[in-house]
């Protein structure tokens, strides 16, 4: 699945309200651009994405069915 397909999936499933899907989209877009950007920039962007992912924390605990359910 490329970033365009992932974005369409996120839209179709109301995933815009699911921050982990947005992180996944950012990772996919970065992966697609990896060969076109300097390695230092790639690593910086990867670190930024990781930091944002860590900020999500465990907000979902106790809400697993609501958040991750179909």
C-alpha atoms as a PDB file:
ATOM      1  CA  UNK A   1       0.000   0.000   0.000  1.00  0.00           C
ATOM      2  CA  UNK A   2       1.477   3.348  -0.988  1.00  0.00           C
ATOM      3  CA  UNK A   3       0.809   6.651   0.763  1.00  0.00           C
ATOM      4  CA  UNK A   4      -2.027   7.580  -1.591  1.00  0.00           C
ATOM      5  CA  UNK A   5      -3.852   4.324  -0.901  1.00  0.00           C
ATOM      6  CA  UNK A   6      -3.230   4.697   2.813  1.00  0.00           C
ATOM      7  CA  UNK A   7      -4.598   8.243   2.755  1.00  0.00           C
ATOM      8  CA  UNK A   8      -7.708   7.021   0.938  1.00  0.00           C
ATOM      9  CA  UNK A   9      -8.143   4.260   3.516  1.00  0.00           C
ATOM     10  CA  UNK A  10      -7.800   6.764   6.360  1.00  0.00           C
ATOM     11  CA  UNK A  11     -10.447   8.995   4.773  1.00  0.00           C
ATOM     12  CA  UNK A  12     -12.819   6.124   4.028  1.00  0.00           C
ATOM     13  CA  UNK A  13     -12.657   4.765   7.578  1.00  0.00           C
ATOM     14  CA  UNK A  14     -12.801   8.118   9.375  1.00  0.00           C
ATOM     15  CA  UNK A  15      -9.214   7.484  10.425  1.00  0.00           C
ATOM     16  CA  UNK A  16      -8.412  11.185  10.632  1.00  0.00           C
ATOM     17  CA  UNK A  17      -9.446  10.932  14.273  1.00  0.00           C
ATOM     18  CA  UNK A  18      -6.969   8.080  14.841  1.00  0.00           C
ATOM     19  CA  UNK A  19      -3.552   9.653  15.418  1.00  0.00           C
ATOM     20  CA  UNK A  20      -1.625   6.393  15.010  1.00  0.00           C
ATOM     21  CA  UNK A  21      -2.889   6.143  11.431  1.00  0.00           C
ATOM     22  CA  UNK A  22      -1.639   9.647  10.713  1.00  0.00           C
ATOM     23  CA  UNK A  23       1.774   8.658  12.076  1.00  0.00           C
ATOM     24  CA  UNK A  24       1.708   5.622   9.799  1.00  0.00           C
ATOM     25  CA  UNK A  25       0.913   7.873   6.828  1.00  0.00           C
ATOM     26  CA  UNK A  26       3.820  10.172   7.694  1.00  0.00           C
ATOM     27  CA  UNK A  27       6.137   7.164   7.891  1.00  0.00           C
ATOM     28  CA  UNK A  28       4.950   5.848   4.537  1.00  0.00           C
ATOM     29  CA  UNK A  29       5.439   9.233   2.864  1.00  0.00           C
ATOM     30  CA  UNK A  30       8.920   9.518   4.349  1.00  0.00           C
ATOM     31  CA  UNK A  31       9.769   6.001   3.193  1.00  0.00           C
ATOM     32  CA  UNK A  32       8.706   6.905  -0.341  1.00  0.00           C
ATOM     33  CA  UNK A  33      10.985   9.973  -0.329  1.00  0.00           C
ATOM     34  CA  UNK A  34      13.983   8.280   1.317  1.00  0.00           C
ATOM     35  CA  UNK A  35      16.076   8.104  -1.855  1.00  0.00           C
ATOM     36  CA  UNK A  36      15.346  11.733  -2.735  1.00  0.00           C
ATOM     37  CA  UNK A  37      16.466  13.428   0.473  1.00  0.00           C
ATOM     38  CA  UNK A  38      19.816  13.539   2.282  1.00  0.00           C
ATOM     39  CA  UNK A  39      20.265  10.833   4.912  1.00  0.00           C
ATOM     40  CA  UNK A  40      20.636  13.419   7.684  1.00  0.00           C
ATOM     41  CA  UNK A  41      17.279  14.984   6.766  1.00  0.00           C
ATOM     42  CA  UNK A  42      15.689  11.534   6.572  1.00  0.00           C
ATOM     43  CA  UNK A  43      16.941  10.672  10.062  1.00  0.00           C
ATOM     44  CA  UNK A  44      15.737  14.012  11.470  1.00  0.00           C
ATOM     45  CA  UNK A  45      12.273  13.516  10.049  1.00  0.00           C
ATOM     46  CA  UNK A  46      12.207   9.935  11.319  1.00  0.00           C
ATOM     47  CA  UNK A  47      13.146  11.163  14.793  1.00  0.00           C
ATOM     48  CA  UNK A  48      10.380  13.791  14.627  1.00  0.00           C
ATOM     49  CA  UNK A  49       7.825  11.132  13.725  1.00  0.00           C
ATOM     50  CA  UNK A  50       9.051   8.886  16.527  1.00  0.00           C
ATOM     51  CA  UNK A  51       8.799  11.747  19.035  1.00  0.00           C
ATOM     52  CA  UNK A  52       5.223  12.445  17.946  1.00  0.00           C
ATOM     53  CA  UNK A  53       4.380   8.752  18.266  1.00  0.00           C
ATOM     54  CA  UNK A  54       5.787   8.652  21.792  1.00  0.00           C
ATOM     55  CA  UNK A  55       3.673  11.685  22.706  1.00  0.00           C
ATOM     56  CA  UNK A  56       0.582   9.615  22.007  1.00  0.00           C
ATOM     57  CA  UNK A  57       1.434   7.597  25.088  1.00  0.00           C
ATOM     58  CA  UNK A  58      -1.120   5.112  26.319  1.00  0.00           C
ATOM     59  CA  UNK A  59      -4.214   7.297  25.943  1.00  0.00           C
ATOM     60  CA  UNK A  60      -6.076   4.311  24.525  1.00  0.00           C
ATOM     61  CA  UNK A  61      -5.859   2.128  27.665  1.00  0.00           C
ATOM     62  CA  UNK A  62      -9.310   1.149  28.816  1.00  0.00           C
ATOM     63  CA  UNK A  63     -10.786   2.298  25.485  1.00  0.00           C
ATOM     64  CA  UNK A  64      -9.415  -0.453  23.238  1.00  0.00           C
ATOM     65  CA  UNK A  65     -12.776  -1.519  21.805  1.00  0.00           C
ATOM     66  CA  UNK A  66     -13.871   2.044  21.145  1.00  0.00           C
ATOM     67  CA  UNK A  67     -10.588   3.133  19.606  1.00  0.00           C
ATOM     68  CA  UNK A  68      -9.394   0.036  17.760  1.00  0.00           C
ATOM     69  CA  UNK A  69     -12.683  -1.703  17.093  1.00  0.00           C
ATOM     70  CA  UNK A  70     -14.123  -1.933  13.636  1.00  0.00           C
END
